[in-house]
Amino acid sequence: MREEASAVVETSSPAKSLQTAKNLYSSDKHQMRMVAVFVLGFIAVVSPEAIAFLRSKVSKDDSWQVQEILAQAFNEYCKSLGYESAVPVIKDWLSDANPNVRRAVTEGLRIWNQRDYFRENPRLAIHLLAGLRNDESEYVRRSVGNALRDISRKEKTLVRTELSTWDKSNPKVAQTHELASKFL
């Protein structure tokens, strides 16, 4: 699906790619929508309409498969923009009311500290993720816990220090903590 999307983008202008993605996204088949979401991710850095479509429309898709690709598309956008330049967008998406938007960030940027910018700035990655430790959505909390667990493989002290400040009497926080501390 990624290859099909890449072929669309390589052979079309961003405007034509956007139109193709919208046409594909109108399909009742999740596989077609997945290709569309990849296309949108590839062109999002040059198409404000594409990144807006990902956030406002794709994030509401009922297919978990499409949501997985949304996360990859968001990462593609951040990578193309540059992770440091994308930090304001990352923060904005992390504060969105829709849990699928928040999860697109937490899941899409995994493994966070394998991205050069976050490898050099692991405290920022940990801080951004930790802000969702008490998220209303279990879907998001699981992603946050798993992302912090991933980071802890190389940044045990930083993650341990962050986790030590959490109030584990809150069941939501305790759940995230349990996932995040698995390798500590």
N, C-alpha and C. Protein backbone atom coordinates (compact mmCIF):
# COMPACT_ATOMS: atom_id res chain seq x y z
N MET A 1 0.81 -1.18 0.00
CA MET A 1 0.00 0.00 0.00
C MET A 1 0.86 1.26 0.00
N ARG A 2 1.95 1.21 0.77
CA ARG A 2 2.89 2.33 0.78
C ARG A 2 3.48 2.53 -0.61
N GLU A 3 3.82 1.44 -1.26
CA GLU A 3 4.40 1.54 -2.61
C GLU A 3 3.40 2.11 -3.61
N GLU A 4 2.15 1.69 -3.50
CA GLU A 4 1.11 2.24 -4.39
C GLU A 4 0.96 3.74 -4.16
N ALA A 5 0.95 4.14 -2.91
CA ALA A 5 0.82 5.55 -2.58
C ALA A 5 2.03 6.34 -3.10
N SER A 6 3.19 5.76 -2.93
CA SER A 6 4.40 6.41 -3.41
C SER A 6 4.36 6.60 -4.93
N ALA A 7 3.85 5.62 -5.64
CA ALA A 7 3.73 5.71 -7.10
C ALA A 7 2.78 6.85 -7.49
N VAL A 8 1.70 7.01 -6.75
CA VAL A 8 0.76 8.10 -7.02
C VAL A 8 1.48 9.44 -6.88
N VAL A 9 2.21 9.60 -5.80
CA VAL A 9 2.88 10.87 -5.51
C VAL A 9 4.00 11.14 -6.51
N GLU A 10 4.73 10.11 -6.90
CA GLU A 10 5.84 10.27 -7.83
C GLU A 10 5.39 10.64 -9.24
N THR A 11 4.18 10.27 -9.59
CA THR A 11 3.72 10.50 -10.96
C THR A 11 2.69 11.62 -11.07
N SER A 12 2.44 12.33 -9.97
CA SER A 12 1.41 13.37 -9.96
C SER A 12 1.90 14.60 -9.21
N SER A 13 1.29 15.71 -9.49
CA SER A 13 1.54 16.93 -8.72
C SER A 13 0.90 16.76 -7.35
N PRO A 14 1.30 17.58 -6.39
CA PRO A 14 0.64 17.51 -5.08
C PRO A 14 -0.88 17.71 -5.18
N ALA A 15 -1.32 18.63 -6.02
CA ALA A 15 -2.77 18.86 -6.17
C ALA A 15 -3.47 17.64 -6.72
N LYS A 16 -2.88 17.01 -7.72
CA LYS A 16 -3.47 15.80 -8.30
C LYS A 16 -3.41 14.65 -7.29
N SER A 17 -2.32 14.54 -6.57
CA SER A 17 -2.20 13.50 -5.54
C SER A 17 -3.27 13.68 -4.47
N LEU A 18 -3.53 14.93 -4.09
CA LEU A 18 -4.55 15.21 -3.10
C LEU A 18 -5.92 14.77 -3.60
N GLN A 19 -6.21 15.08 -4.85
CA GLN A 19 -7.50 14.69 -5.41
C GLN A 19 -7.62 13.16 -5.49
N THR A 20 -6.53 12.50 -5.90
CA THR A 20 -6.53 11.04 -5.95
C THR A 20 -6.77 10.46 -4.56
N ALA A 21 -6.10 11.03 -3.56
CA ALA A 21 -6.26 10.55 -2.18
C ALA A 21 -7.70 10.72 -1.71
N LYS A 22 -8.29 11.85 -2.02
CA LYS A 22 -9.68 12.06 -1.61
C LYS A 22 -10.62 11.07 -2.30
N ASN A 23 -10.36 10.80 -3.56
CA ASN A 23 -11.17 9.82 -4.28
C ASN A 23 -11.01 8.43 -3.66
N LEU A 24 -9.78 8.04 -3.39
CA LEU A 24 -9.53 6.74 -2.77
C LEU A 24 -10.15 6.67 -1.38
N TYR A 25 -10.08 7.77 -0.65
CA TYR A 25 -10.58 7.77 0.71
C TYR A 25 -12.10 7.61 0.76
N SER A 26 -12.77 7.92 -0.30
CA SER A 26 -14.23 7.78 -0.32
C SER A 26 -14.69 6.33 -0.46
N SER A 27 -13.75 5.42 -0.63
CA SER A 27 -14.07 4.00 -0.78
C SER A 27 -14.58 3.40 0.54
N ASP A 28 -15.44 2.40 0.43
CA ASP A 28 -15.87 1.68 1.63
C ASP A 28 -14.87 0.60 2.02
N LYS A 29 -13.85 0.39 1.23
CA LYS A 29 -12.81 -0.61 1.52
C LYS A 29 -11.66 0.07 2.28
N HIS A 30 -11.38 -0.48 3.45
CA HIS A 30 -10.34 0.15 4.27
C HIS A 30 -8.97 0.14 3.59
N GLN A 31 -8.72 -0.85 2.75
CA GLN A 31 -7.43 -0.91 2.06
C GLN A 31 -7.24 0.29 1.14
N MET A 32 -8.30 0.70 0.47
CA MET A 32 -8.23 1.87 -0.41
C MET A 32 -8.00 3.13 0.42
N ARG A 33 -8.68 3.22 1.54
CA ARG A 33 -8.49 4.37 2.41
C ARG A 33 -7.07 4.40 2.98
N MET A 34 -6.50 3.24 3.23
CA MET A 34 -5.13 3.18 3.74
C MET A 34 -4.16 3.74 2.71
N VAL A 35 -4.34 3.39 1.45
CA VAL A 35 -3.49 3.95 0.40
C VAL A 35 -3.65 5.47 0.37
N ALA A 36 -4.90 5.92 0.46
CA ALA A 36 -5.17 7.37 0.47
C ALA A 36 -4.43 8.06 1.61
N VAL A 37 -4.44 7.45 2.78
CA VAL A 37 -3.80 8.06 3.94
C VAL A 37 -2.29 8.12 3.75
N PHE A 38 -1.70 7.09 3.18
CA PHE A 38 -0.27 7.15 2.85
C PHE A 38 0.00 8.32 1.90
N VAL A 39 -0.81 8.46 0.86
CA VAL A 39 -0.63 9.57 -0.09
C VAL A 39 -0.69 10.90 0.66
N LEU A 40 -1.68 11.06 1.50
CA LEU A 40 -1.83 12.31 2.26
C LEU A 40 -0.60 12.57 3.13
N GLY A 41 -0.07 11.55 3.74
CA GLY A 41 1.13 11.70 4.56
C GLY A 41 2.34 12.14 3.74
N PHE A 42 2.46 11.59 2.54
CA PHE A 42 3.58 11.95 1.67
C PHE A 42 3.51 13.39 1.20
N ILE A 43 2.32 13.93 1.01
CA ILE A 43 2.20 15.29 0.48
C ILE A 43 1.88 16.33 1.55
N ALA A 44 1.66 15.92 2.77
CA ALA A 44 1.20 16.83 3.83
C ALA A 44 2.14 18.00 4.05
N VAL A 45 3.43 17.80 3.88
CA VAL A 45 4.38 18.88 4.13
C VAL A 45 4.24 20.01 3.11
N VAL A 46 3.71 19.70 1.93
CA VAL A 46 3.52 20.73 0.90
C VAL A 46 2.05 21.06 0.69
N SER A 47 1.18 20.38 1.41
CA SER A 47 -0.26 20.58 1.24
C SER A 47 -0.95 20.74 2.60
N PRO A 48 -1.19 21.98 3.01
CA PRO A 48 -1.93 22.18 4.26
C PRO A 48 -3.28 21.47 4.26
N GLU A 49 -3.89 21.35 3.08
CA GLU A 49 -5.18 20.67 3.01
C GLU A 49 -5.03 19.18 3.35
N ALA A 50 -3.91 18.59 2.97
CA ALA A 50 -3.68 17.16 3.25
C ALA A 50 -3.52 16.91 4.75
N ILE A 51 -2.72 17.74 5.42
CA ILE A 51 -2.53 17.52 6.86
C ILE A 51 -3.83 17.81 7.61
N ALA A 52 -4.59 18.79 7.15
CA ALA A 52 -5.88 19.09 7.76
C ALA A 52 -6.87 17.94 7.56
N PHE A 53 -6.85 17.32 6.38
CA PHE A 53 -7.72 16.19 6.09
C PHE A 53 -7.38 15.00 6.99
N LEU A 54 -6.08 14.78 7.18
CA LEU A 54 -5.67 13.69 8.07
C LEU A 54 -6.24 13.90 9.47
N ARG A 55 -6.12 15.12 9.95
CA ARG A 55 -6.54 15.41 11.32
C ARG A 55 -8.06 15.43 11.46
N SER A 56 -8.74 16.06 10.55
CA SER A 56 -10.18 16.26 10.72
C SER A 56 -11.04 15.10 10.21
N LYS A 57 -10.60 14.43 9.18
CA LYS A 57 -11.42 13.39 8.56
C LYS A 57 -10.89 11.99 8.88
N VAL A 58 -9.63 11.76 8.57
CA VAL A 58 -9.07 10.41 8.74
C VAL A 58 -9.11 9.98 10.20
N SER A 59 -8.89 10.91 11.12
CA SER A 59 -8.87 10.57 12.54
C SER A 59 -10.22 10.05 13.04
N LYS A 60 -11.26 10.26 12.26
CA LYS A 60 -12.60 9.80 12.65
C LYS A 60 -12.97 8.48 11.97
N ASP A 61 -12.07 7.93 11.19
CA ASP A 61 -12.33 6.67 10.49
C ASP A 61 -12.49 5.54 11.51
N ASP A 62 -13.47 4.68 11.30
CA ASP A 62 -13.74 3.58 12.23
C ASP A 62 -12.76 2.40 12.11
N SER A 63 -11.99 2.36 11.06
CA SER A 63 -11.09 1.24 10.83
C SER A 63 -9.80 1.39 11.63
N TRP A 64 -9.48 0.39 12.43
CA TRP A 64 -8.23 0.44 13.19
C TRP A 64 -7.03 0.39 12.23
N GLN A 65 -7.20 -0.28 11.08
CA GLN A 65 -6.12 -0.35 10.11
C GLN A 65 -5.80 1.05 9.57
N VAL A 66 -6.85 1.80 9.28
CA VAL A 66 -6.65 3.17 8.79
C VAL A 66 -5.99 4.02 9.87
N GLN A 67 -6.35 3.80 11.13
CA GLN A 67 -5.74 4.56 12.22
C GLN A 67 -4.24 4.25 12.34
N GLU A 68 -3.87 3.01 12.08
CA GLU A 68 -2.44 2.66 12.09
C GLU A 68 -1.68 3.44 11.01
N ILE A 69 -2.30 3.58 9.85
CA ILE A 69 -1.66 4.31 8.76
C ILE A 69 -1.66 5.81 9.04
N LEU A 70 -2.69 6.30 9.72
CA LEU A 70 -2.68 7.71 10.13
C LEU A 70 -1.43 8.00 10.96
N ALA A 71 -1.10 7.12 11.87
CA ALA A 71 0.11 7.30 12.69
C ALA A 71 1.35 7.36 11.80
N GLN A 72 1.43 6.47 10.83
CA GLN A 72 2.58 6.47 9.92
C GLN A 72 2.60 7.72 9.05
N ALA A 73 1.42 8.17 8.62
CA ALA A 73 1.33 9.38 7.81
C ALA A 73 1.78 10.60 8.61
N PHE A 74 1.39 10.65 9.89
CA PHE A 74 1.81 11.77 10.72
C PHE A 74 3.33 11.76 10.88
N ASN A 75 3.91 10.59 11.08
CA ASN A 75 5.36 10.50 11.18
C ASN A 75 6.01 10.96 9.88
N GLU A 76 5.46 10.57 8.75
CA GLU A 76 6.01 10.98 7.45
C GLU A 76 6.01 12.50 7.34
N TYR A 77 4.92 13.11 7.77
CA TYR A 77 4.82 14.57 7.76
C TYR A 77 5.93 15.18 8.64
N CYS A 78 6.07 14.69 9.86
CA CYS A 78 7.08 15.22 10.77
C CYS A 78 8.49 15.01 10.23
N LYS A 79 8.74 13.87 9.67
CA LYS A 79 10.06 13.58 9.10
C LYS A 79 10.35 14.53 7.95
N SER A 80 9.39 14.75 7.07
CA SER A 80 9.58 15.65 5.93
C SER A 80 9.77 17.09 6.38
N LEU A 81 9.04 17.50 7.38
CA LEU A 81 9.15 18.86 7.90
C LEU A 81 10.44 19.02 8.71
N GLY A 82 10.86 17.95 9.33
CA GLY A 82 11.98 17.96 10.28
C GLY A 82 11.37 17.91 11.67
N TYR A 83 11.79 16.93 12.47
CA TYR A 83 11.16 16.73 13.78
C TYR A 83 11.23 17.97 14.66
N GLU A 84 12.35 18.68 14.63
CA GLU A 84 12.45 19.89 15.46
C GLU A 84 11.42 20.92 15.01
N SER A 85 11.30 21.12 13.71
CA SER A 85 10.31 22.07 13.19
C SER A 85 8.89 21.61 13.45
N ALA A 86 8.70 20.31 13.57
CA ALA A 86 7.36 19.75 13.78
C ALA A 86 6.89 19.80 15.23
N VAL A 87 7.76 20.16 16.17
CA VAL A 87 7.38 20.15 17.59
C VAL A 87 6.10 20.94 17.86
N PRO A 88 5.91 22.14 17.32
CA PRO A 88 4.65 22.84 17.58
C PRO A 88 3.42 22.06 17.08
N VAL A 89 3.54 21.40 15.95
CA VAL A 89 2.43 20.60 15.42
C VAL A 89 2.22 19.36 16.30
N ILE A 90 3.30 18.76 16.73
CA ILE A 90 3.22 17.61 17.62
C ILE A 90 2.46 18.00 18.89
N LYS A 91 2.84 19.11 19.48
CA LYS A 91 2.17 19.58 20.71
C LYS A 91 0.69 19.86 20.45
N ASP A 92 0.41 20.47 19.31
CA ASP A 92 -0.98 20.78 18.97
C ASP A 92 -1.81 19.51 18.81
N TRP A 93 -1.28 18.53 18.10
CA TRP A 93 -2.00 17.27 17.92
C TRP A 93 -2.15 16.53 19.25
N LEU A 94 -1.14 16.61 20.11
CA LEU A 94 -1.23 15.94 21.42
C LEU A 94 -2.33 16.53 22.30
N SER A 95 -2.75 17.75 22.01
CA SER A 95 -3.80 18.38 22.81
C SER A 95 -5.17 18.30 22.14
N ASP A 96 -5.28 17.59 21.04
CA ASP A 96 -6.55 17.49 20.32
C ASP A 96 -7.57 16.71 21.15
N ALA A 97 -8.84 17.05 20.99
CA ALA A 97 -9.92 16.36 21.71
C ALA A 97 -10.12 14.92 21.24
N ASN A 98 -9.75 14.63 20.02
CA ASN A 98 -9.94 13.30 19.45
C ASN A 98 -8.78 12.38 19.85
N PRO A 99 -9.07 11.28 20.53
CA PRO A 99 -7.98 10.38 20.95
C PRO A 99 -7.21 9.79 19.77
N ASN A 100 -7.84 9.63 18.62
CA ASN A 100 -7.12 9.10 17.46
C ASN A 100 -6.04 10.07 16.97
N VAL A 101 -6.28 11.36 17.13
CA VAL A 101 -5.28 12.36 16.76
C VAL A 101 -4.10 12.27 17.74
N ARG A 102 -4.41 12.20 19.03
CA ARG A 102 -3.33 12.10 20.03
C ARG A 102 -2.52 10.82 19.82
N ARG A 103 -3.22 9.72 19.57
CA ARG A 103 -2.52 8.46 19.37
C ARG A 103 -1.70 8.45 18.09
N ALA A 104 -2.14 9.17 17.07
CA ALA A 104 -1.35 9.24 15.83
C ALA A 104 0.05 9.77 16.13
N VAL A 105 0.14 10.69 17.08
CA VAL A 105 1.45 11.23 17.46
C VAL A 105 2.23 10.22 18.29
N THR A 106 1.61 9.74 19.37
CA THR A 106 2.34 8.86 20.29
C THR A 106 2.80 7.59 19.60
N GLU A 107 1.98 7.07 18.72
CA GLU A 107 2.30 5.83 18.02
C GLU A 107 3.15 6.09 16.78
N GLY A 108 2.84 7.16 16.07
CA GLY A 108 3.53 7.45 14.82
C GLY A 108 5.00 7.75 15.00
N LEU A 109 5.36 8.39 16.09
CA LEU A 109 6.76 8.76 16.31
C LEU A 109 7.57 7.69 17.02
N ARG A 110 6.94 6.55 17.33
CA ARG A 110 7.67 5.45 17.93
C ARG A 110 8.65 4.88 16.91
N ILE A 111 9.76 4.50 17.25
CA ILE A 111 10.38 4.63 18.56
C ILE A 111 11.02 6.02 18.61
N TRP A 112 10.52 6.86 19.51
CA TRP A 112 10.85 8.27 19.53
C TRP A 112 12.35 8.53 19.51
N ASN A 113 13.10 7.84 20.35
CA ASN A 113 14.52 8.15 20.44
C ASN A 113 15.35 7.46 19.37
N GLN A 114 14.70 6.93 18.35
CA GLN A 114 15.42 6.50 17.15
C GLN A 114 15.36 7.59 16.08
N ARG A 115 14.64 8.64 16.34
CA ARG A 115 14.59 9.82 15.48
C ARG A 115 15.71 10.75 15.96
N ASP A 116 16.56 11.21 15.06
CA ASP A 116 17.73 11.98 15.45
C ASP A 116 17.42 13.10 16.44
N TYR A 117 16.39 13.89 16.14
CA TYR A 117 16.10 15.02 17.01
C TYR A 117 15.74 14.57 18.43
N PHE A 118 14.94 13.54 18.55
CA PHE A 118 14.54 13.07 19.89
C PHE A 118 15.63 12.23 20.54
N ARG A 119 16.53 11.66 19.77
CA ARG A 119 17.68 10.98 20.37
C ARG A 119 18.56 12.02 21.07
N GLU A 120 18.65 13.21 20.45
CA GLU A 120 19.43 14.30 21.04
C GLU A 120 18.65 15.04 22.13
N ASN A 121 17.34 14.90 22.14
CA ASN A 121 16.48 15.60 23.08
C ASN A 121 15.49 14.63 23.74
N PRO A 122 16.00 13.60 24.40
CA PRO A 122 15.09 12.60 24.96
C PRO A 122 14.18 13.17 26.05
N ARG A 123 14.65 14.17 26.77
CA ARG A 123 13.80 14.77 27.82
C ARG A 123 12.53 15.36 27.22
N LEU A 124 12.65 15.97 26.05
CA LEU A 124 11.48 16.54 25.41
C LEU A 124 10.49 15.44 25.03
N ALA A 125 11.00 14.37 24.44
CA ALA A 125 10.12 13.25 24.07
C ALA A 125 9.41 12.70 25.30
N ILE A 126 10.16 12.50 26.37
CA ILE A 126 9.58 11.96 27.61
C ILE A 126 8.54 12.93 28.16
N HIS A 127 8.86 14.21 28.15
CA HIS A 127 7.93 15.23 28.65
C HIS A 127 6.63 15.25 27.84
N LEU A 128 6.76 15.21 26.52
CA LEU A 128 5.57 15.25 25.67
C LEU A 128 4.68 14.03 25.92
N LEU A 129 5.29 12.88 26.03
CA LEU A 129 4.52 11.65 26.27
C LEU A 129 3.92 11.64 27.68
N ALA A 130 4.70 12.04 28.65
CA ALA A 130 4.24 12.01 30.04
C ALA A 130 2.99 12.86 30.25
N GLY A 131 2.81 13.87 29.45
CA GLY A 131 1.64 14.71 29.56
C GLY A 131 0.33 13.97 29.31
N LEU A 132 0.42 12.79 28.71
CA LEU A 132 -0.78 12.00 28.41
C LEU A 132 -0.91 10.77 29.32
N ARG A 133 -0.17 10.73 30.40
CA ARG A 133 -0.21 9.56 31.29
C ARG A 133 -1.58 9.31 31.88
N ASN A 134 -2.39 10.36 31.98
CA ASN A 134 -3.72 10.27 32.59
C ASN A 134 -4.80 10.47 31.52
N ASP A 135 -4.49 10.19 30.29
CA ASP A 135 -5.43 10.43 29.20
C ASP A 135 -6.72 9.65 29.42
N GLU A 136 -7.82 10.22 29.00
CA GLU A 136 -9.13 9.56 29.13
C GLU A 136 -9.20 8.28 28.31
N SER A 137 -8.43 8.22 27.22
CA SER A 137 -8.49 7.08 26.32
C SER A 137 -7.45 6.01 26.70
N GLU A 138 -7.92 4.82 26.95
CA GLU A 138 -7.00 3.72 27.23
C GLU A 138 -6.10 3.45 26.03
N TYR A 139 -6.66 3.61 24.85
CA TYR A 139 -5.94 3.45 23.58
C TYR A 139 -4.71 4.36 23.55
N VAL A 140 -4.88 5.61 24.00
CA VAL A 140 -3.77 6.56 24.04
C VAL A 140 -2.81 6.21 25.17
N ARG A 141 -3.34 5.90 26.34
CA ARG A 141 -2.47 5.58 27.50
C ARG A 141 -1.59 4.38 27.19
N ARG A 142 -2.14 3.38 26.54
CA ARG A 142 -1.32 2.21 26.18
C ARG A 142 -0.18 2.61 25.24
N SER A 143 -0.50 3.45 24.27
CA SER A 143 0.52 3.90 23.33
C SER A 143 1.59 4.71 24.05
N VAL A 144 1.18 5.57 24.97
CA VAL A 144 2.13 6.38 25.76
C VAL A 144 3.03 5.47 26.60
N GLY A 145 2.43 4.53 27.30
CA GLY A 145 3.22 3.60 28.13
C GLY A 145 4.21 2.81 27.30
N ASN A 146 3.76 2.32 26.16
CA ASN A 146 4.65 1.55 25.29
C ASN A 146 5.76 2.42 24.71
N ALA A 147 5.44 3.66 24.36
CA ALA A 147 6.46 4.56 23.81
C ALA A 147 7.51 4.89 24.87
N LEU A 148 7.07 5.15 26.10
CA LEU A 148 8.03 5.40 27.18
C LEU A 148 8.87 4.16 27.48
N ARG A 149 8.24 3.00 27.43
CA ARG A 149 8.98 1.75 27.61
C ARG A 149 10.09 1.64 26.56
N ASP A 150 9.75 1.95 25.30
CA ASP A 150 10.75 1.91 24.23
C ASP A 150 11.92 2.85 24.54
N ILE A 151 11.59 4.07 24.95
CA ILE A 151 12.63 5.06 25.26
C ILE A 151 13.50 4.58 26.42
N SER A 152 12.89 3.89 27.38
CA SER A 152 13.64 3.46 28.57
C SER A 152 14.74 2.46 28.26
N ARG A 153 14.68 1.83 27.13
CA ARG A 153 15.76 0.88 26.78
C ARG A 153 17.11 1.58 26.74
N LYS A 154 17.11 2.85 26.29
CA LYS A 154 18.37 3.60 26.21
C LYS A 154 18.45 4.73 27.22
N GLU A 155 17.32 5.13 27.75
CA GLU A 155 17.27 6.28 28.68
C GLU A 155 16.60 5.88 29.99
N LYS A 156 17.13 4.82 30.61
CA LYS A 156 16.53 4.30 31.84
C LYS A 156 16.43 5.36 32.93
N THR A 157 17.50 6.09 33.16
CA THR A 157 17.51 7.07 34.24
C THR A 157 16.49 8.17 34.02
N LEU A 158 16.42 8.68 32.79
CA LEU A 158 15.46 9.75 32.51
C LEU A 158 14.02 9.28 32.67
N VAL A 159 13.73 8.10 32.17
CA VAL A 159 12.36 7.59 32.28
C VAL A 159 12.05 7.26 33.73
N ARG A 160 12.98 6.64 34.43
CA ARG A 160 12.77 6.32 35.85
C ARG A 160 12.51 7.59 36.65
N THR A 161 13.28 8.63 36.38
CA THR A 161 13.09 9.90 37.09
C THR A 161 11.71 10.47 36.81
N GLU A 162 11.27 10.45 35.56
CA GLU A 162 9.93 10.95 35.22
C GLU A 162 8.86 10.13 35.93
N LEU A 163 8.97 8.82 35.85
CA LEU A 163 7.95 7.95 36.44
C LEU A 163 7.87 8.10 37.95
N SER A 164 8.98 8.45 38.58
CA SER A 164 8.98 8.60 40.04
C SER A 164 8.12 9.77 40.51
N THR A 165 7.78 10.67 39.61
CA THR A 165 6.95 11.83 39.97
C THR A 165 5.46 11.57 39.79
N TRP A 166 5.10 10.42 39.27
CA TRP A 166 3.70 10.14 38.95
C TRP A 166 2.93 9.65 40.16
N ASP A 167 1.68 10.05 40.24
CA ASP A 167 0.77 9.61 41.30
C ASP A 167 0.10 8.31 40.86
N LYS A 168 0.64 7.21 41.31
CA LYS A 168 0.12 5.90 40.88
C LYS A 168 -1.18 5.51 41.60
N SER A 169 -1.67 6.36 42.49
CA SER A 169 -2.96 6.05 43.11
C SER A 169 -4.10 6.28 42.10
N ASN A 170 -3.82 7.01 41.06
CA ASN A 170 -4.78 7.20 39.97
C ASN A 170 -4.69 5.97 39.07
N PRO A 171 -5.77 5.23 38.88
CA PRO A 171 -5.72 3.99 38.09
C PRO A 171 -5.24 4.19 36.65
N LYS A 172 -5.58 5.31 36.06
CA LYS A 172 -5.13 5.58 34.68
C LYS A 172 -3.62 5.76 34.63
N VAL A 173 -3.13 6.54 35.57
CA VAL A 173 -1.68 6.76 35.65
C VAL A 173 -0.97 5.45 35.97
N ALA A 174 -1.54 4.67 36.88
CA ALA A 174 -0.93 3.38 37.26
C ALA A 174 -0.82 2.46 36.05
N GLN A 175 -1.85 2.45 35.21
CA GLN A 175 -1.81 1.61 34.02
C GLN A 175 -0.68 2.05 33.08
N THR A 176 -0.57 3.35 32.84
CA THR A 176 0.49 3.86 31.97
C THR A 176 1.85 3.57 32.58
N HIS A 177 1.98 3.77 33.89
CA HIS A 177 3.23 3.53 34.61
C HIS A 177 3.66 2.06 34.46
N GLU A 178 2.70 1.16 34.63
CA GLU A 178 3.03 -0.26 34.52
C GLU A 178 3.63 -0.60 33.15
N LEU A 179 3.05 -0.07 32.10
CA LEU A 179 3.59 -0.30 30.76
C LEU A 179 4.94 0.35 30.57
N ALA A 180 5.06 1.60 31.04
CA ALA A 180 6.29 2.38 30.84
C ALA A 180 7.48 1.82 31.61
N SER A 181 7.21 1.20 32.74
CA SER A 181 8.31 0.75 33.62
C SER A 181 8.73 -0.70 33.38
N LYS A 182 8.21 -1.30 32.37
CA LYS A 182 8.44 -2.74 32.15
C LYS A 182 9.94 -3.11 32.11
N PHE A 183 10.78 -2.26 31.55
CA PHE A 183 12.21 -2.58 31.43
C PHE A 183 13.09 -1.87 32.44
N LEU A 184 12.47 -1.28 33.45
CA LEU A 184 13.26 -0.56 34.46
C LEU A 184 13.56 -1.45 35.65
